[in-house]
Structures are given as C-alpha cells and as structure tokens.
Amino acid sequence: MPPNVSSDRPLPRGALTVRTIAMPADTNANGDIFGGWVMSAMDQAGGIAGVERAQGRVVTVKVDTMTFLAPMKVGDVLEVYTDVESIGRTSMKIHIEAWARRFRTTQHDKVTDALFTFVAVDDDGRPRAIPPE
C-alpha cells in the first residue's frame, strides 16, 4: 500500500511506473493542472509498460473512457500506475491510473483512469507479434 493511503480507501491498481511534480507551467487560467498534462504522463507510463512487455517499440492506438475525478494543483505529485490487462497477437490493453499525492499533506487521491491500447511495431512502424512471456 502506498504510504498515507488509509485502508478504507481504494488502492492504486498496478505498478508505479511514472512520478512527476505538477508545476506552474502545467496549469490553465484557473490554476488547475491541464487534463492533457495528466493524460500525457499516463501515455508515457503506458508506453514504458508496453515496451517492457512487448520487448520493443509500441504505439498508442486508443484510449477508452477517461473521466477526471479530481483536479490536480501545483505542487501535487502525479503518480501513474500501470497494469497490463490483456494481450493479443500485436496489441495489448493496459489499465492506467493517475493519482495525486497532495502537496504538503498526506492525502493521496485518484485523479483518473483509462484503458489504453498499444500496438507493438517494428522499425518501419508495421505491427509485429508480441513475444510470449
């Protein structure tokens, strides 16, 4: 269990893959962190998990149902967790969750999650088979 998450609250699913801090340049006019900044970090984390599993290059082809549950603020640490959910011949679905470790508190909140689909590709960008584990 991540530190400072109480046992009566849900836990992040998967492996911690990316951590980064929200900075002033990542905000909109209201001072909230752009949703696209969070989504970009999720795509990076999914790419890391995908490359590890596919043993090579992967590309994002689809993102299913992303709902933002809570805003992020400057100083919050974004933690992105990945879990390879299913693997086909050339594609894989990776469940990705974004959590905020709130600045100067012990609070840890789920920001959003989504199911990303990645395709393994060769050096020419053509789909290739994902090797067995």
C-alpha atoms as a PDB file:
ATOM      1  CA  MET A   1       0.000   0.000   0.000  1.00  0.00           C
ATOM      2  CA  PRO A   2       1.385   3.444  -0.843  1.00  0.00           C
ATOM      3  CA  PRO A   3       2.189   5.442   2.283  1.00  0.00           C
ATOM      4  CA  ASN A   4      -0.549   7.696   3.624  1.00  0.00           C
ATOM      5  CA  VAL A   5      -3.424   5.826   1.962  1.00  0.00           C
ATOM      6  CA  SER A   6      -5.861   4.652   4.588  1.00  0.00           C
ATOM      7  CA  SER A   7      -7.071   1.043   4.419  1.00  0.00           C
ATOM      8  CA  ASP A   8     -10.704   2.162   3.969  1.00  0.00           C
ATOM      9  CA  ARG A   9      -9.877   3.960   0.680  1.00  0.00           C
ATOM     10  CA  PRO A  10      -9.224   2.278  -2.654  1.00  0.00           C
ATOM     11  CA  LEU A  11      -5.636   1.478  -3.547  1.00  0.00           C
ATOM     12  CA  PRO A  12      -3.867   2.157  -6.832  1.00  0.00           C
ATOM     13  CA  ARG A  13      -4.010  -0.747  -9.267  1.00  0.00           C
ATOM     14  CA  GLY A  14      -0.804  -1.957 -10.881  1.00  0.00           C
ATOM     15  CA  ALA A  15       2.827  -0.943 -10.680  1.00  0.00           C
ATOM     16  CA  LEU A  16       4.026   2.593 -10.036  1.00  0.00           C
ATOM     17  CA  THR A  17       5.545   3.500 -13.412  1.00  0.00           C
ATOM     18  CA  VAL A  18       5.918   7.312 -13.511  1.00  0.00           C
ATOM     19  CA  ARG A  19       6.153  10.039 -10.853  1.00  0.00           C
ATOM     20  CA  THR A  20       6.388  13.745 -11.605  1.00  0.00           C
ATOM     21  CA  ILE A  21       5.537  17.030  -9.941  1.00  0.00           C
ATOM     22  CA  ALA A  22       2.916  19.481 -11.226  1.00  0.00           C
ATOM     23  CA  MET A  23       4.491  22.856 -11.957  1.00  0.00           C
ATOM     24  CA  PRO A  24       3.007  26.328 -12.663  1.00  0.00           C
ATOM     25  CA  ALA A  25       3.660  25.982 -16.414  1.00  0.00           C
ATOM     26  CA  ASP A  26       1.264  22.988 -16.451  1.00  0.00           C
ATOM     27  CA  THR A  27      -1.807  24.991 -15.358  1.00  0.00           C
ATOM     28  CA  ASN A  28      -4.815  26.557 -17.031  1.00  0.00           C
ATOM     29  CA  ALA A  29      -6.103  30.057 -16.226  1.00  0.00           C
ATOM     30  CA  ASN A  30      -7.898  28.744 -13.118  1.00  0.00           C
ATOM     31  CA  GLY A  31      -4.732  27.305 -11.618  1.00  0.00           C
ATOM     32  CA  ASP A  32      -5.721  23.680 -12.201  1.00  0.00           C
ATOM     33  CA  ILE A  33      -3.336  21.332 -13.957  1.00  0.00           C
ATOM     34  CA  PHE A  34      -4.301  20.693 -17.589  1.00  0.00           C
ATOM     35  CA  GLY A  35      -6.019  17.353 -18.126  1.00  0.00           C
ATOM     36  CA  GLY A  36      -3.839  16.888 -21.188  1.00  0.00           C
ATOM     37  CA  TRP A  37      -0.736  17.073 -18.990  1.00  0.00           C
ATOM     38  CA  VAL A  38      -2.099  14.214 -16.870  1.00  0.00           C
ATOM     39  CA  MET A  39      -3.068  12.236 -19.976  1.00  0.00           C
ATOM     40  CA  SER A  40       0.415  12.731 -21.449  1.00  0.00           C
ATOM     41  CA  ALA A  41       2.021  11.288 -18.311  1.00  0.00           C
ATOM     42  CA  MET A  42      -0.399   8.355 -18.481  1.00  0.00           C
ATOM     43  CA  ASP A  43       0.546   7.737 -22.121  1.00  0.00           C
ATOM     44  CA  GLN A  44       4.244   7.837 -21.188  1.00  0.00           C
ATOM     45  CA  ALA A  45       3.689   5.334 -18.377  1.00  0.00           C
ATOM     46  CA  GLY A  46       1.688   3.064 -20.670  1.00  0.00           C
ATOM     47  CA  GLY A  47       4.448   3.286 -23.241  1.00  0.00           C
ATOM     48  CA  ILE A  48       7.023   2.245 -20.648  1.00  0.00           C
ATOM     49  CA  ALA A  49       4.908  -0.737 -19.549  1.00  0.00           C
ATOM     50  CA  GLY A  50       4.144  -1.609 -23.173  1.00  0.00           C
ATOM     51  CA  VAL A  51       7.790  -1.536 -24.282  1.00  0.00           C
ATOM     52  CA  GLU A  52       8.751  -3.758 -21.346  1.00  0.00           C
ATOM     53  CA  ARG A  53       6.038  -6.312 -22.160  1.00  0.00           C
ATOM     54  CA  ALA A  54       6.364  -6.185 -25.964  1.00  0.00           C
ATOM     55  CA  GLN A  55      10.181  -6.160 -25.753  1.00  0.00           C
ATOM     56  CA  GLY A  56      10.321  -3.325 -28.245  1.00  0.00           C
ATOM     57  CA  ARG A  57       8.611  -0.300 -29.724  1.00  0.00           C
ATOM     58  CA  VAL A  58       4.868   0.291 -29.169  1.00  0.00           C
ATOM     59  CA  VAL A  59       2.437   2.989 -30.288  1.00  0.00           C
ATOM     60  CA  THR A  60      -0.771   4.208 -28.671  1.00  0.00           C
ATOM     61  CA  VAL A  61      -3.843   3.491 -30.813  1.00  0.00           C
ATOM     62  CA  LYS A  62      -6.786   4.018 -28.478  1.00  0.00           C
ATOM     63  CA  VAL A  63      -7.837   5.419 -25.111  1.00  0.00           C
ATOM     64  CA  ASP A  64     -11.130   4.228 -23.612  1.00  0.00           C
ATOM     65  CA  THR A  65     -13.289   6.220 -21.207  1.00  0.00           C
ATOM     66  CA  MET A  66     -11.265   8.726 -19.261  1.00  0.00           C
ATOM     67  CA  THR A  67     -13.196  10.582 -16.566  1.00  0.00           C
ATOM     68  CA  PHE A  68     -11.440  13.111 -14.369  1.00  0.00           C
ATOM     69  CA  LEU A  69     -12.419  12.558 -10.743  1.00  0.00           C
ATOM     70  CA  ALA A  70     -10.377  15.263  -9.013  1.00  0.00           C
ATOM     71  CA  PRO A  71      -8.244  18.242 -10.056  1.00  0.00           C
ATOM     72  CA  MET A  72      -4.508  18.484  -9.573  1.00  0.00           C
ATOM     73  CA  LYS A  73      -2.801  21.610  -8.271  1.00  0.00           C
ATOM     74  CA  VAL A  74       0.705  22.995  -8.500  1.00  0.00           C
ATOM     75  CA  GLY A  75       2.995  21.086  -6.153  1.00  0.00           C
ATOM     76  CA  ASP A  76       0.981  17.845  -6.237  1.00  0.00           C
ATOM     77  CA  VAL A  77       2.986  14.779  -7.221  1.00  0.00           C
ATOM     78  CA  LEU A  78       1.385  12.805 -10.052  1.00  0.00           C
ATOM     79  CA  GLU A  79       1.826   9.056  -9.654  1.00  0.00           C
ATOM     80  CA  VAL A  80       0.864   6.867 -12.606  1.00  0.00           C
ATOM     81  CA  TYR A  81       0.231   3.142 -12.180  1.00  0.00           C
ATOM     82  CA  THR A  82       0.039   0.573 -14.994  1.00  0.00           C
ATOM     83  CA  ASP A  83      -1.390  -2.925 -15.241  1.00  0.00           C
ATOM     84  CA  VAL A  84      -1.258  -4.962 -18.468  1.00  0.00           C
ATOM     85  CA  GLU A  85      -4.829  -6.209 -18.689  1.00  0.00           C
ATOM     86  CA  SER A  86      -4.806  -8.296 -21.878  1.00  0.00           C
ATOM     87  CA  ILE A  87      -2.508  -9.203 -24.742  1.00  0.00           C
ATOM     88  CA  GLY A  88      -3.445 -10.067 -28.312  1.00  0.00           C
ATOM     89  CA  ARG A  89      -1.176 -11.011 -31.195  1.00  0.00           C
ATOM     90  CA  THR A  90       0.097  -7.457 -31.870  1.00  0.00           C
ATOM     91  CA  SER A  91      -1.816  -5.320 -29.363  1.00  0.00           C
ATOM     92  CA  MET A  92      -2.240  -5.034 -25.630  1.00  0.00           C
ATOM     93  CA  LYS A  93      -4.615  -3.236 -23.307  1.00  0.00           C
ATOM     94  CA  ILE A  94      -3.071  -1.505 -20.324  1.00  0.00           C
ATOM     95  CA  HIS A  95      -5.153  -0.178 -17.437  1.00  0.00           C
ATOM     96  CA  ILE A  96      -3.614   3.122 -16.324  1.00  0.00           C
ATOM     97  CA  GLU A  97      -4.453   5.096 -13.174  1.00  0.00           C
ATOM     98  CA  ALA A  98      -3.303   8.591 -12.236  1.00  0.00           C
ATOM     99  CA  TRP A  99      -3.133   9.532  -8.545  1.00  0.00           C
ATOM    100  CA  ALA A 100      -2.241  12.813  -6.867  1.00  0.00           C
ATOM    101  CA  ARG A 101      -0.099  12.914  -3.744  1.00  0.00           C
ATOM    102  CA  ARG A 102      -1.255  16.281  -2.442  1.00  0.00           C
ATOM    103  CA  PHE A 103       1.328  18.972  -1.780  1.00  0.00           C
ATOM    104  CA  ARG A 104       2.384  19.240   1.866  1.00  0.00           C
ATOM    105  CA  THR A 105      -0.257  16.745   3.052  1.00  0.00           C
ATOM    106  CA  THR A 106      -0.604  13.005   3.472  1.00  0.00           C
ATOM    107  CA  GLN A 107      -3.582  12.865   1.119  1.00  0.00           C
ATOM    108  CA  HIS A 108      -3.450  10.543  -1.911  1.00  0.00           C
ATOM    109  CA  ASP A 109      -6.369  10.867  -4.386  1.00  0.00           C
ATOM    110  CA  LYS A 110      -7.249   9.089  -7.594  1.00  0.00           C
ATOM    111  CA  VAL A 111      -7.392  11.658 -10.411  1.00  0.00           C
ATOM    112  CA  THR A 112      -8.452   9.480 -13.369  1.00  0.00           C
ATOM    113  CA  ASP A 113      -8.053   6.113 -15.033  1.00  0.00           C
ATOM    114  CA  ALA A 114      -8.441   4.719 -18.525  1.00  0.00           C
ATOM    115  CA  LEU A 115      -7.797   1.687 -20.677  1.00  0.00           C
ATOM    116  CA  PHE A 116      -5.092   2.392 -23.269  1.00  0.00           C
ATOM    117  CA  THR A 117      -4.488   0.136 -26.274  1.00  0.00           C
ATOM    118  CA  PHE A 118      -0.950  -0.124 -27.621  1.00  0.00           C
ATOM    119  CA  VAL A 119       0.292  -1.947 -30.728  1.00  0.00           C
ATOM    120  CA  ALA A 120       3.772  -3.406 -30.980  1.00  0.00           C
ATOM    121  CA  VAL A 121       5.505  -2.163 -34.136  1.00  0.00           C
ATOM    122  CA  ASP A 122       8.726  -2.927 -35.977  1.00  0.00           C
ATOM    123  CA  ASP A 123      11.354  -0.397 -37.061  1.00  0.00           C
ATOM    124  CA  ASP A 124       9.224   0.529 -40.080  1.00  0.00           C
ATOM    125  CA  GLY A 125       6.121   1.169 -37.949  1.00  0.00           C
ATOM    126  CA  ARG A 126       4.301  -2.008 -39.038  1.00  0.00           C
ATOM    127  CA  PRO A 127       2.517  -4.162 -36.454  1.00  0.00           C
ATOM    128  CA  ARG A 128       4.576  -7.047 -35.135  1.00  0.00           C
ATOM    129  CA  ALA A 129       3.806 -10.002 -32.902  1.00  0.00           C
ATOM    130  CA  ILE A 130       4.193  -9.559 -29.156  1.00  0.00           C
ATOM    131  CA  PRO A 131       6.523 -12.293 -27.889  1.00  0.00           C
ATOM    132  CA  PRO A 132       5.225 -14.727 -25.275  1.00  0.00           C
ATOM    133  CA  GLU A 133       6.279 -14.091 -21.683  1.00  0.00           C
END
